[in-house]
Amino acid sequence: TGAYDGRVFSVLMIAFPAFCINYIYMTLITAEGSLGKLIRVAIVAVIINLSLNFILMPYYGALGAAIACCITMYFVAITNIFLAKRIIGLVTDLRWVLQYLIFIALILVLLKGIMLLPLTMAIRLLLIAAGASAGMLLCGFVPFRKIMEMIKDR
C-alpha cells in the first residue's frame, strides 16, 4: 500500500545523511591508506545488518529491512568519524554534528507530517524534497549567501 511504502521510504531517507557522511569519511580514510580498518568496519556492519534483518524482517517486512539499513548506516558513519579522528587527527566540529542532528530531527518531523496528509506518493515526494532542501538551507548545509550571489551574477 502507499502508506506502507511511504513509511519504508521515510526510514530510508533518514539513512541518507549517514550515507553521505560515509561517502566523505571513507574517502578520507582510504586516502590515508587504512583500508584494513575500513574492511573490519564493513565486516562488523554486515554482521549487524544481517542480524537485524533476520530479527526485523519476519515481523516488519521491508520496513524492518529499512530500519536495519538505517541503524547499520549510522553505525558505520559514527565509526568512520571516530576512525578519521584517530587516524588522520581530524577535528570533529560539534557544531557540525549538532547541525546534522537538527537536520535529522527536522526530516523526521517533516516525514511524519507529510505521511499523515491524504496525498499521492508523487506529491509527498515533492514535498519531502522541498522540505529537505529548506532544511538544508536552515541547517547551513547550503550557503544561502552563495546562492544569492550566484543569482545576482546572472
Protein backbone atom coordinates (compact mmCIF):
# COMPACT_ATOMS: atom_id res chain seq x y z
CA THR A 1 0.00 0.00 0.00
CA GLY A 2 1.02 3.62 -0.42
CA ALA A 3 1.16 4.36 3.31
CA TYR A 4 3.45 1.38 3.97
CA ASP A 5 5.69 2.28 1.04
CA GLY A 6 5.86 5.82 2.36
CA ARG A 7 6.98 4.62 5.79
CA VAL A 8 9.68 2.45 4.21
CA PHE A 9 10.84 5.35 2.07
CA SER A 10 10.87 7.74 5.03
CA VAL A 11 13.10 5.41 7.05
CA LEU A 12 15.44 5.11 4.08
CA MET A 13 15.50 8.92 3.80
CA ILE A 14 16.63 9.07 7.44
CA ALA A 15 19.58 6.83 6.48
CA PHE A 16 20.66 9.17 3.66
CA PRO A 17 22.67 11.65 5.78
CA ALA A 18 24.65 8.72 7.22
CA PHE A 19 25.29 7.51 3.67
CA CYS A 20 26.67 10.95 2.77
CA ILE A 21 28.86 11.04 5.89
CA ASN A 22 30.18 7.57 4.99
CA TYR A 23 31.00 8.65 1.46
CA ILE A 24 33.15 11.51 2.71
CA TYR A 25 34.86 9.83 5.66
CA MET A 26 35.52 6.54 3.87
CA THR A 27 37.24 8.51 1.12
CA LEU A 28 39.43 10.27 3.69
CA ILE A 29 40.33 7.01 5.42
CA THR A 30 41.03 5.30 2.08
CA ALA A 31 43.29 8.17 1.01
CA GLU A 32 45.21 7.73 4.27
CA GLY A 33 45.79 4.09 3.31
CA SER A 34 43.85 2.48 6.14
CA LEU A 35 41.89 0.02 4.02
CA GLY A 36 42.24 -2.78 6.57
CA LYS A 37 40.37 -0.77 9.17
CA LEU A 38 37.61 0.04 6.70
CA ILE A 39 37.29 -3.63 5.82
CA ARG A 40 36.94 -4.54 9.50
CA VAL A 41 34.23 -1.90 9.93
CA ALA A 42 32.48 -3.27 6.84
CA ILE A 43 32.57 -6.82 8.20
CA VAL A 44 31.04 -5.69 11.51
CA ALA A 45 28.43 -3.69 9.55
CA VAL A 46 27.48 -6.77 7.52
CA ILE A 47 27.08 -8.79 10.72
CA ILE A 48 24.92 -6.06 12.29
CA ASN A 49 22.82 -5.70 9.14
CA LEU A 50 22.25 -9.41 8.66
CA SER A 51 21.39 -9.88 12.34
CA LEU A 52 18.92 -7.01 12.30
CA ASN A 53 17.36 -8.24 9.06
CA PHE A 54 16.88 -11.75 10.49
CA ILE A 55 15.23 -10.22 13.57
CA LEU A 56 13.15 -7.44 11.97
CA MET A 57 12.11 -8.70 8.54
CA PRO A 58 9.85 -11.54 9.72
CA TYR A 59 7.77 -9.03 11.70
CA TYR A 60 8.05 -5.82 9.66
CA GLY A 61 8.99 -6.91 6.13
CA ALA A 62 10.52 -4.15 4.01
CA LEU A 63 10.14 -1.67 6.87
CA GLY A 64 12.33 -3.93 9.02
CA ALA A 65 14.95 -4.04 6.28
CA ALA A 66 14.85 -0.23 6.04
CA ILE A 67 15.29 0.08 9.82
CA ALA A 68 18.22 -2.36 9.68
CA CYS A 69 19.75 -0.29 6.88
CA CYS A 70 19.33 2.93 8.87
CA ILE A 71 20.90 1.51 12.03
CA THR A 72 23.78 -0.01 10.06
CA MET A 73 24.46 3.19 8.13
CA TYR A 74 24.62 5.28 11.29
CA PHE A 75 26.85 2.72 12.99
CA VAL A 76 29.28 2.90 10.06
CA ALA A 77 29.07 6.71 9.90
CA ILE A 78 29.83 7.16 13.60
CA THR A 79 32.61 4.57 13.44
CA ASN A 80 34.16 6.27 10.39
CA ILE A 81 34.05 9.67 12.08
CA PHE A 82 35.93 8.25 15.08
CA LEU A 83 38.37 6.40 12.81
CA ALA A 84 39.11 9.55 10.84
CA LYS A 85 39.60 11.44 14.06
CA ARG A 86 42.05 8.84 15.35
CA ILE A 87 43.90 8.01 12.11
CA ILE A 88 44.06 11.39 10.42
CA GLY A 89 43.75 13.58 13.50
CA LEU A 90 40.66 15.17 12.01
CA VAL A 91 38.94 17.54 14.38
CA THR A 92 35.24 16.81 14.90
CA ASP A 93 33.29 20.03 14.88
CA LEU A 94 30.50 19.71 17.46
CA ARG A 95 28.55 22.47 15.69
CA TRP A 96 28.59 20.36 12.52
CA VAL A 97 27.36 17.30 14.43
CA LEU A 98 24.59 19.39 16.02
CA GLN A 99 23.57 20.68 12.57
CA TYR A 100 23.18 17.09 11.35
CA LEU A 101 21.17 16.09 14.41
CA ILE A 102 18.86 19.08 13.94
CA PHE A 103 18.52 18.23 10.24
CA ILE A 104 17.61 14.64 11.05
CA ALA A 105 15.01 15.83 13.59
CA LEU A 106 13.53 18.23 11.03
CA ILE A 107 13.33 15.48 8.41
CA LEU A 108 11.65 13.12 10.88
CA VAL A 109 9.00 15.71 11.75
CA LEU A 110 8.55 16.59 8.08
CA LEU A 111 8.17 12.95 7.05
CA LYS A 112 5.71 12.19 9.84
CA GLY A 113 3.62 15.24 8.96
CA ILE A 114 3.58 14.56 5.24
CA MET A 115 2.69 10.90 5.72
CA LEU A 116 -0.39 11.95 7.71
CA LEU A 117 -1.72 14.02 4.79
CA PRO A 118 -4.00 12.35 2.23
CA LEU A 119 -1.75 12.98 -0.77
CA THR A 120 -0.48 10.96 -3.70
CA MET A 121 3.01 9.49 -3.45
CA ALA A 122 4.28 11.91 -6.13
CA ILE A 123 3.07 14.95 -4.16
CA ARG A 124 4.53 13.52 -0.95
CA LEU A 125 7.92 13.04 -2.62
CA LEU A 126 7.87 16.60 -3.95
CA LEU A 127 7.00 17.95 -0.51
CA ILE A 128 9.73 15.85 1.10
CA ALA A 129 12.28 17.09 -1.44
CA ALA A 130 11.21 20.72 -0.91
CA GLY A 131 11.24 20.31 2.87
CA ALA A 132 14.64 18.61 2.85
CA SER A 133 16.01 21.41 0.65
CA ALA A 134 14.64 24.03 3.04
CA GLY A 135 16.09 22.06 5.97
CA MET A 136 19.49 22.01 4.29
CA LEU A 137 19.31 25.80 3.96
CA LEU A 138 18.15 26.26 7.56
CA CYS A 139 20.88 23.99 8.95
CA GLY A 140 23.59 25.72 6.93
CA PHE A 141 24.50 22.83 4.62
CA VAL A 142 23.81 25.01 1.61
CA PRO A 143 25.29 28.50 1.89
CA PHE A 144 22.34 30.83 1.28
CA ARG A 145 24.64 33.82 0.61
CA LYS A 146 26.44 31.93 -2.15
CA ILE A 147 23.14 31.08 -3.80
CA MET A 148 22.06 34.72 -3.68
CA GLU A 149 25.43 35.78 -5.15
CA MET A 150 25.03 33.29 -7.98
CA ILE A 151 21.52 34.57 -8.73
CA LYS A 152 22.75 38.20 -8.75
CA ASP A 153 25.67 37.36 -11.06
CA ARG A 154 23.31 36.07 -13.76
